[in-house]
Amino acid sequence: MVVTIRDVARVTGVSISTVSRALANPEQVAEATRLHVQETARSMGYRPNRAARGLVTGRTGSIGLVVPDLENPFFGSICKGVQARARAAGYAVFIADTDEDPLLEDEVVRSLTKQVDGVILCSPRGSDEAVGRVAEDSSLVLVNRTLAGVPSITFDNGG
């Protein structure tokens, strides 16, 4: 059975909003109440529901990473690096491989932008126009490619 903040509130004898504040914004709750709520939640096995939190905050806690070929060691290294940094920041990463197909890339990126807080795009083949359209409607960062007005990360292979 999944434990909800409603269950924690019932056991602790405080309101649902107090439980929410004690877990998400602990500085807004008296220390004794905060400790009681946090310990009760921990002992009950409470885990925050990312989807429910996303409805309130408008954020998903996840990012998308789109690469053209996961079998290429260059992109495998990028995936590992992005995942490590995202995990350290509390984000989940959804990785999509487009098989170097610009049409599939456009479809995947448009789908991901509806489900994540931002997309990191390794796009050597997609047209500037297609990438620009996506960038207008979402938080997008390009890897190893530049396009005016779109944040990018490039590599200095010259030293």
N, C-alpha and C. Protein backbone atom coordinates (compact mmCIF):
# COMPACT_ATOMS: atom_id res chain seq x y z
N MET A 1 0.84 -1.18 0.00
CA MET A 1 0.00 0.00 0.00
C MET A 1 0.89 1.25 0.00
N VAL A 2 0.56 2.19 -0.85
CA VAL A 2 1.31 3.44 -0.95
C VAL A 2 0.89 4.38 0.18
N VAL A 3 1.87 4.93 0.87
CA VAL A 3 1.61 5.87 1.96
C VAL A 3 1.55 7.27 1.38
N THR A 4 0.49 8.02 1.72
CA THR A 4 0.31 9.38 1.22
C THR A 4 0.51 10.38 2.36
N ILE A 5 0.59 11.67 2.00
CA ILE A 5 0.71 12.67 3.07
C ILE A 5 -0.56 12.71 3.91
N ARG A 6 -1.67 12.30 3.33
CA ARG A 6 -2.92 12.23 4.11
C ARG A 6 -2.76 11.20 5.23
N ASP A 7 -2.12 10.06 4.94
CA ASP A 7 -1.87 9.03 5.95
C ASP A 7 -0.94 9.55 7.04
N VAL A 8 0.11 10.25 6.63
CA VAL A 8 1.06 10.81 7.61
C VAL A 8 0.35 11.83 8.49
N ALA A 9 -0.51 12.65 7.89
CA ALA A 9 -1.26 13.66 8.66
C ALA A 9 -2.16 12.99 9.70
N ARG A 10 -2.84 11.93 9.30
CA ARG A 10 -3.74 11.23 10.21
C ARG A 10 -2.96 10.67 11.41
N VAL A 11 -1.82 10.05 11.15
CA VAL A 11 -1.02 9.44 12.23
C VAL A 11 -0.41 10.50 13.13
N THR A 12 0.05 11.60 12.57
CA THR A 12 0.71 12.64 13.38
C THR A 12 -0.27 13.58 14.05
N GLY A 13 -1.51 13.61 13.55
CA GLY A 13 -2.51 14.51 14.14
C GLY A 13 -2.37 15.96 13.70
N VAL A 14 -1.71 16.18 12.57
CA VAL A 14 -1.60 17.54 12.03
C VAL A 14 -2.28 17.58 10.68
N SER A 15 -2.42 18.78 10.13
CA SER A 15 -3.10 18.91 8.84
C SER A 15 -2.22 18.43 7.69
N ILE A 16 -2.86 18.15 6.58
CA ILE A 16 -2.14 17.74 5.38
C ILE A 16 -1.17 18.83 4.95
N SER A 17 -1.60 20.09 5.02
CA SER A 17 -0.71 21.18 4.61
C SER A 17 0.50 21.30 5.54
N THR A 18 0.33 20.99 6.82
CA THR A 18 1.47 21.02 7.74
C THR A 18 2.46 19.91 7.39
N VAL A 19 1.94 18.73 7.06
CA VAL A 19 2.82 17.64 6.63
C VAL A 19 3.58 18.05 5.37
N SER A 20 2.86 18.62 4.43
CA SER A 20 3.49 19.05 3.18
C SER A 20 4.61 20.06 3.44
N ARG A 21 4.33 21.05 4.28
CA ARG A 21 5.35 22.06 4.60
C ARG A 21 6.52 21.43 5.36
N ALA A 22 6.23 20.53 6.29
CA ALA A 22 7.30 19.90 7.07
C ALA A 22 8.25 19.10 6.19
N LEU A 23 7.73 18.54 5.11
CA LEU A 23 8.55 17.72 4.23
C LEU A 23 9.21 18.52 3.11
N ALA A 24 8.51 19.53 2.60
CA ALA A 24 9.03 20.28 1.45
C ALA A 24 9.70 21.60 1.83
N ASN A 25 9.19 22.26 2.86
CA ASN A 25 9.72 23.55 3.30
C ASN A 25 9.85 23.54 4.82
N PRO A 26 10.78 22.75 5.35
CA PRO A 26 10.85 22.53 6.80
C PRO A 26 11.05 23.79 7.63
N GLU A 27 11.61 24.83 7.04
CA GLU A 27 11.83 26.07 7.79
C GLU A 27 10.52 26.77 8.14
N GLN A 28 9.42 26.36 7.53
CA GLN A 28 8.12 26.98 7.78
C GLN A 28 7.34 26.30 8.90
N VAL A 29 7.93 25.29 9.53
CA VAL A 29 7.22 24.52 10.56
C VAL A 29 8.07 24.49 11.83
N ALA A 30 7.40 24.55 12.97
CA ALA A 30 8.11 24.48 14.25
C ALA A 30 8.96 23.20 14.30
N GLU A 31 10.13 23.30 14.92
CA GLU A 31 11.09 22.20 14.91
C GLU A 31 10.50 20.90 15.45
N ALA A 32 9.79 20.96 16.56
CA ALA A 32 9.23 19.74 17.15
C ALA A 32 8.24 19.08 16.19
N THR A 33 7.39 19.90 15.56
CA THR A 33 6.42 19.37 14.60
C THR A 33 7.14 18.78 13.39
N ARG A 34 8.12 19.52 12.89
CA ARG A 34 8.88 19.06 11.72
C ARG A 34 9.53 17.71 11.99
N LEU A 35 10.20 17.58 13.12
CA LEU A 35 10.88 16.33 13.45
C LEU A 35 9.88 15.18 13.60
N HIS A 36 8.74 15.46 14.25
CA HIS A 36 7.72 14.43 14.44
C HIS A 36 7.17 13.97 13.08
N VAL A 37 6.85 14.92 12.21
CA VAL A 37 6.30 14.58 10.89
C VAL A 37 7.34 13.83 10.06
N GLN A 38 8.57 14.31 10.04
CA GLN A 38 9.60 13.66 9.23
C GLN A 38 9.89 12.24 9.71
N GLU A 39 9.95 12.05 11.01
CA GLU A 39 10.21 10.71 11.55
C GLU A 39 9.04 9.78 11.26
N THR A 40 7.83 10.28 11.42
CA THR A 40 6.65 9.46 11.14
C THR A 40 6.61 9.08 9.67
N ALA A 41 6.85 10.04 8.80
CA ALA A 41 6.85 9.77 7.35
C ALA A 41 7.90 8.71 7.01
N ARG A 42 9.07 8.85 7.59
CA ARG A 42 10.16 7.89 7.34
C ARG A 42 9.77 6.49 7.83
N SER A 43 9.22 6.42 9.04
CA SER A 43 8.87 5.11 9.61
C SER A 43 7.71 4.44 8.86
N MET A 44 6.85 5.26 8.25
CA MET A 44 5.72 4.72 7.48
C MET A 44 6.13 4.35 6.06
N GLY A 45 7.32 4.75 5.66
CA GLY A 45 7.78 4.46 4.30
C GLY A 45 7.24 5.43 3.27
N TYR A 46 6.91 6.64 3.69
CA TYR A 46 6.40 7.64 2.76
C TYR A 46 7.46 8.00 1.73
N ARG A 47 7.06 8.07 0.47
CA ARG A 47 7.91 8.53 -0.62
C ARG A 47 7.12 9.57 -1.41
N PRO A 48 7.71 10.74 -1.66
CA PRO A 48 6.99 11.76 -2.43
C PRO A 48 6.62 11.24 -3.82
N ASN A 49 5.46 11.63 -4.28
CA ASN A 49 4.97 11.26 -5.60
C ASN A 49 5.37 12.37 -6.56
N ARG A 50 6.32 12.09 -7.46
CA ARG A 50 6.81 13.12 -8.39
C ARG A 50 5.69 13.68 -9.25
N ALA A 51 4.78 12.83 -9.69
CA ALA A 51 3.70 13.29 -10.55
C ALA A 51 2.79 14.26 -9.80
N ALA A 52 2.46 13.94 -8.56
CA ALA A 52 1.61 14.83 -7.77
C ALA A 52 2.33 16.15 -7.49
N ARG A 53 3.61 16.07 -7.17
CA ARG A 53 4.38 17.28 -6.91
C ARG A 53 4.44 18.14 -8.18
N GLY A 54 4.57 17.48 -9.32
CA GLY A 54 4.63 18.19 -10.59
C GLY A 54 3.36 18.97 -10.89
N LEU A 55 2.21 18.44 -10.46
CA LEU A 55 0.96 19.16 -10.66
C LEU A 55 0.95 20.48 -9.90
N VAL A 56 1.57 20.49 -8.74
CA VAL A 56 1.61 21.69 -7.91
C VAL A 56 2.70 22.65 -8.37
N THR A 57 3.89 22.12 -8.64
CA THR A 57 5.03 22.98 -8.96
C THR A 57 5.17 23.29 -10.44
N GLY A 58 4.55 22.48 -11.29
CA GLY A 58 4.73 22.65 -12.72
C GLY A 58 6.06 22.10 -13.21
N ARG A 59 6.76 21.36 -12.36
CA ARG A 59 8.06 20.78 -12.72
C ARG A 59 7.99 19.26 -12.56
N THR A 60 8.77 18.57 -13.36
CA THR A 60 8.74 17.11 -13.33
C THR A 60 9.91 16.50 -12.58
N GLY A 61 10.99 17.25 -12.40
CA GLY A 61 12.18 16.69 -11.78
C GLY A 61 12.93 15.77 -12.72
N SER A 62 12.69 15.93 -14.03
CA SER A 62 13.36 15.08 -15.01
C SER A 62 13.75 15.88 -16.24
N ILE A 63 14.76 15.38 -16.93
CA ILE A 63 15.19 15.99 -18.18
C ILE A 63 15.30 14.91 -19.24
N GLY A 64 15.22 15.32 -20.48
CA GLY A 64 15.38 14.40 -21.59
C GLY A 64 16.74 14.58 -22.23
N LEU A 65 17.34 13.51 -22.67
CA LEU A 65 18.60 13.54 -23.39
C LEU A 65 18.39 12.78 -24.69
N VAL A 66 18.56 13.47 -25.80
CA VAL A 66 18.33 12.86 -27.11
C VAL A 66 19.67 12.75 -27.83
N VAL A 67 20.02 11.52 -28.21
CA VAL A 67 21.28 11.27 -28.91
C VAL A 67 20.99 10.53 -30.21
N PRO A 68 21.88 10.70 -31.21
CA PRO A 68 21.63 10.05 -32.49
C PRO A 68 22.04 8.58 -32.55
N ASP A 69 22.94 8.14 -31.65
CA ASP A 69 23.43 6.77 -31.73
C ASP A 69 24.06 6.34 -30.41
N LEU A 70 23.35 5.57 -29.63
CA LEU A 70 23.88 5.12 -28.34
C LEU A 70 25.07 4.17 -28.47
N GLU A 71 25.22 3.56 -29.62
CA GLU A 71 26.36 2.66 -29.81
C GLU A 71 27.66 3.42 -30.08
N ASN A 72 27.56 4.69 -30.38
CA ASN A 72 28.74 5.52 -30.59
C ASN A 72 29.31 5.89 -29.22
N PRO A 73 30.57 5.54 -28.94
CA PRO A 73 31.15 5.80 -27.62
C PRO A 73 31.10 7.28 -27.21
N PHE A 74 31.15 8.18 -28.17
CA PHE A 74 31.08 9.61 -27.87
C PHE A 74 29.77 9.92 -27.14
N PHE A 75 28.67 9.40 -27.67
CA PHE A 75 27.37 9.69 -27.06
C PHE A 75 27.15 8.89 -25.78
N GLY A 76 27.73 7.71 -25.69
CA GLY A 76 27.67 6.96 -24.43
C GLY A 76 28.32 7.72 -23.30
N SER A 77 29.46 8.36 -23.59
CA SER A 77 30.14 9.17 -22.57
C SER A 77 29.30 10.37 -22.17
N ILE A 78 28.65 10.98 -23.14
CA ILE A 78 27.77 12.12 -22.82
C ILE A 78 26.63 11.65 -21.92
N CYS A 79 26.05 10.50 -22.23
CA CYS A 79 24.95 9.98 -21.41
C CYS A 79 25.39 9.77 -19.97
N LYS A 80 26.54 9.16 -19.78
CA LYS A 80 27.03 8.91 -18.42
C LYS A 80 27.27 10.22 -17.68
N GLY A 81 27.86 11.20 -18.35
CA GLY A 81 28.12 12.49 -17.72
C GLY A 81 26.85 13.23 -17.35
N VAL A 82 25.89 13.25 -18.27
CA VAL A 82 24.61 13.92 -18.00
C VAL A 82 23.90 13.24 -16.84
N GLN A 83 23.85 11.92 -16.85
CA GLN A 83 23.17 11.21 -15.77
C GLN A 83 23.82 11.48 -14.41
N ALA A 84 25.13 11.49 -14.37
CA ALA A 84 25.81 11.74 -13.09
C ALA A 84 25.50 13.13 -12.56
N ARG A 85 25.57 14.14 -13.42
CA ARG A 85 25.29 15.51 -12.98
C ARG A 85 23.81 15.69 -12.62
N ALA A 86 22.94 15.11 -13.41
CA ALA A 86 21.51 15.23 -13.14
C ALA A 86 21.15 14.55 -11.82
N ARG A 87 21.67 13.37 -11.60
CA ARG A 87 21.40 12.63 -10.36
C ARG A 87 21.85 13.44 -9.15
N ALA A 88 23.03 14.04 -9.26
CA ALA A 88 23.55 14.85 -8.15
C ALA A 88 22.65 16.05 -7.87
N ALA A 89 21.95 16.52 -8.88
CA ALA A 89 21.04 17.67 -8.72
C ALA A 89 19.61 17.23 -8.43
N GLY A 90 19.38 15.92 -8.28
CA GLY A 90 18.05 15.42 -7.95
C GLY A 90 17.13 15.23 -9.15
N TYR A 91 17.69 15.15 -10.34
CA TYR A 91 16.89 14.97 -11.55
C TYR A 91 17.00 13.54 -12.08
N ALA A 92 15.94 13.07 -12.69
CA ALA A 92 15.96 11.82 -13.44
C ALA A 92 16.22 12.17 -14.90
N VAL A 93 16.80 11.24 -15.64
CA VAL A 93 17.10 11.47 -17.06
C VAL A 93 16.42 10.40 -17.91
N PHE A 94 15.70 10.85 -18.92
CA PHE A 94 15.13 9.96 -19.92
C PHE A 94 15.98 10.07 -21.17
N ILE A 95 16.51 8.95 -21.63
CA ILE A 95 17.41 8.94 -22.79
C ILE A 95 16.68 8.35 -23.99
N ALA A 96 16.81 9.04 -25.13
CA ALA A 96 16.22 8.56 -26.37
C ALA A 96 17.28 8.51 -27.46
N ASP A 97 17.30 7.43 -28.22
CA ASP A 97 18.21 7.23 -29.35
C ASP A 97 17.38 7.39 -30.62
N THR A 98 17.83 8.24 -31.53
CA THR A 98 17.06 8.52 -32.75
C THR A 98 17.57 7.79 -33.98
N ASP A 99 18.55 6.92 -33.83
CA ASP A 99 19.10 6.17 -34.96
C ASP A 99 19.51 7.08 -36.12
N GLU A 100 19.99 8.27 -35.77
CA GLU A 100 20.46 9.26 -36.74
C GLU A 100 19.40 9.62 -37.78
N ASP A 101 18.14 9.57 -37.37
CA ASP A 101 17.02 9.90 -38.25
C ASP A 101 16.46 11.27 -37.84
N PRO A 102 16.65 12.31 -38.67
CA PRO A 102 16.18 13.65 -38.31
C PRO A 102 14.67 13.73 -38.06
N LEU A 103 13.88 12.95 -38.80
CA LEU A 103 12.43 12.97 -38.60
C LEU A 103 12.07 12.36 -37.25
N LEU A 104 12.71 11.24 -36.91
CA LEU A 104 12.48 10.62 -35.61
C LEU A 104 12.95 11.54 -34.49
N GLU A 105 14.08 12.21 -34.71
CA GLU A 105 14.60 13.15 -33.72
C GLU A 105 13.57 14.22 -33.40
N ASP A 106 12.99 14.82 -34.44
CA ASP A 106 12.00 15.87 -34.24
C ASP A 106 10.80 15.34 -33.46
N GLU A 107 10.34 14.14 -33.81
CA GLU A 107 9.20 13.52 -33.12
C GLU A 107 9.52 13.25 -31.65
N VAL A 108 10.70 12.69 -31.40
CA VAL A 108 11.11 12.36 -30.03
C VAL A 108 11.25 13.62 -29.18
N VAL A 109 11.90 14.63 -29.73
CA VAL A 109 12.10 15.87 -28.98
C VAL A 109 10.77 16.52 -28.66
N ARG A 110 9.87 16.60 -29.62
CA ARG A 110 8.55 17.21 -29.36
C ARG A 110 7.78 16.43 -28.30
N SER A 111 7.88 15.13 -28.31
CA SER A 111 7.21 14.31 -27.29
C SER A 111 7.83 14.54 -25.92
N LEU A 112 9.15 14.52 -25.85
CA LEU A 112 9.83 14.70 -24.57
C LEU A 112 9.55 16.06 -23.94
N THR A 113 9.50 17.11 -24.75
CA THR A 113 9.33 18.45 -24.18
C THR A 113 8.02 18.58 -23.41
N LYS A 114 7.06 17.71 -23.68
CA LYS A 114 5.79 17.74 -22.95
C LYS A 114 5.87 16.99 -21.62
N GLN A 115 6.97 16.25 -21.41
CA GLN A 115 7.06 15.37 -20.26
C GLN A 115 8.20 15.68 -19.30
N VAL A 116 9.09 16.59 -19.68
CA VAL A 116 10.28 16.86 -18.87
C VAL A 116 10.46 18.37 -18.70
N ASP A 117 11.35 18.74 -17.78
CA ASP A 117 11.62 20.16 -17.54
C ASP A 117 12.50 20.77 -18.61
N GLY A 118 13.28 19.97 -19.29
CA GLY A 118 14.15 20.47 -20.35
C GLY A 118 14.74 19.32 -21.13
N VAL A 119 15.28 19.65 -22.31
CA VAL A 119 15.86 18.62 -23.17
C VAL A 119 17.29 19.02 -23.54
N ILE A 120 18.18 18.05 -23.45
CA ILE A 120 19.55 18.19 -23.94
C ILE A 120 19.58 17.43 -25.26
N LEU A 121 19.94 18.13 -26.32
CA LEU A 121 19.85 17.56 -27.66
C LEU A 121 21.21 17.48 -28.33
N CYS A 122 21.62 16.26 -28.65
CA CYS A 122 22.82 16.03 -29.46
C CYS A 122 22.30 15.80 -30.87
N SER A 123 22.35 16.84 -31.69
CA SER A 123 21.67 16.79 -32.98
C SER A 123 22.59 17.17 -34.13
N PRO A 124 23.35 16.23 -34.65
CA PRO A 124 24.21 16.58 -35.77
C PRO A 124 23.47 16.66 -37.10
N ARG A 125 22.28 16.08 -37.19
CA ARG A 125 21.60 15.97 -38.48
C ARG A 125 20.33 16.82 -38.63
N GLY A 126 19.65 17.12 -37.54
CA GLY A 126 18.40 17.88 -37.64
C GLY A 126 18.63 19.26 -38.23
N SER A 127 17.65 19.75 -38.97
CA SER A 127 17.78 21.06 -39.60
C SER A 127 17.74 22.17 -38.55
N ASP A 128 18.38 23.29 -38.88
CA ASP A 128 18.34 24.45 -37.99
C ASP A 128 16.91 24.89 -37.74
N GLU A 129 16.08 24.83 -38.76
CA GLU A 129 14.68 25.25 -38.63
C GLU A 129 13.93 24.38 -37.63
N ALA A 130 14.10 23.06 -37.75
CA ALA A 130 13.40 22.14 -36.84
C ALA A 130 13.87 22.34 -35.40
N VAL A 131 15.17 22.45 -35.22
CA VAL A 131 15.71 22.65 -33.87
C VAL A 131 15.26 23.99 -33.32
N GLY A 132 15.27 25.02 -34.15
CA GLY A 132 14.84 26.35 -33.72
C GLY A 132 13.39 26.38 -33.28
N ARG A 133 12.52 25.68 -34.01
CA ARG A 133 11.09 25.62 -33.64
C ARG A 133 10.91 25.00 -32.26
N VAL A 134 11.62 23.91 -32.01
CA VAL A 134 11.52 23.25 -30.70
C VAL A 134 12.04 24.17 -29.61
N ALA A 135 13.15 24.85 -29.88
CA ALA A 135 13.76 25.74 -28.88
C ALA A 135 12.84 26.90 -28.51
N GLU A 136 12.00 27.34 -29.43
CA GLU A 136 11.06 28.43 -29.15
C GLU A 136 10.04 28.04 -28.09
N ASP A 137 9.67 26.77 -28.06
CA ASP A 137 8.58 26.31 -27.20
C ASP A 137 9.04 25.55 -25.96
N SER A 138 10.35 25.41 -25.75
CA SER A 138 10.80 24.57 -24.64
C SER A 138 12.17 24.99 -24.15
N SER A 139 12.59 24.40 -23.05
CA SER A 139 13.94 24.60 -22.53
C SER A 139 14.83 23.57 -23.21
N LEU A 140 15.70 24.06 -24.08
CA LEU A 140 16.52 23.19 -24.89
C LEU A 140 17.97 23.63 -24.82
N VAL A 141 18.88 22.66 -24.71
CA VAL A 141 20.32 22.91 -24.75
C VAL A 141 20.90 21.99 -25.82
N LEU A 142 21.71 22.56 -26.70
CA LEU A 142 22.36 21.78 -27.74
C LEU A 142 23.74 21.32 -27.29
N VAL A 143 24.15 20.15 -27.74
CA VAL A 143 25.48 19.63 -27.44
C VAL A 143 26.27 19.54 -28.75
N ASN A 144 27.45 20.16 -28.73
CA ASN A 144 28.39 20.13 -29.85
C ASN A 144 27.80 20.71 -31.14
N ARG A 145 26.93 21.69 -30.96
CA ARG A 145 26.31 22.37 -32.10
C ARG A 145 25.87 23.74 -31.62
N THR A 146 25.97 24.73 -32.47
CA THR A 146 25.51 26.06 -32.09
C THR A 146 24.40 26.49 -33.03
N LEU A 147 23.47 27.24 -32.47
CA LEU A 147 22.37 27.83 -33.21
C LEU A 147 22.01 29.12 -32.49
N ALA A 148 21.95 30.20 -33.21
CA ALA A 148 21.70 31.52 -32.61
C ALA A 148 20.48 31.48 -31.70
N GLY A 149 20.65 31.98 -30.48
CA GLY A 149 19.56 32.08 -29.52
C GLY A 149 19.28 30.82 -28.73
N VAL A 150 20.02 29.75 -28.98
CA VAL A 150 19.79 28.49 -28.27
C VAL A 150 21.04 28.17 -27.44
N PRO A 151 20.88 27.96 -26.13
CA PRO A 151 22.05 27.62 -25.30
C PRO A 151 22.73 26.35 -25.83
N SER A 152 24.05 26.33 -25.76
CA SER A 152 24.76 25.16 -26.28
C SER A 152 26.03 24.89 -25.47
N ILE A 153 26.47 23.65 -25.57
CA ILE A 153 27.73 23.21 -24.98
C ILE A 153 28.56 22.67 -26.14
N THR A 154 29.74 23.26 -26.33
CA THR A 154 30.61 22.79 -27.41
C THR A 154 31.95 22.37 -26.83
N PHE A 155 32.68 21.62 -27.61
CA PHE A 155 33.96 21.09 -27.15
C PHE A 155 35.09 21.77 -27.90
N ASP A 156 36.18 22.02 -27.19
CA ASP A 156 37.37 22.60 -27.78
C ASP A 156 38.35 21.47 -28.05
N ASN A 157 38.29 20.94 -29.26
CA ASN A 157 39.17 19.83 -29.60
C ASN A 157 40.56 20.29 -30.03
N GLY A 158 40.73 21.61 -30.14
CA GLY A 158 42.01 22.13 -30.59
C GLY A 158 43.02 22.31 -29.47
N GLY A 159 42.57 22.24 -28.24
CA GLY A 159 43.48 22.38 -27.12
C GLY A 159 43.30 23.68 -26.50
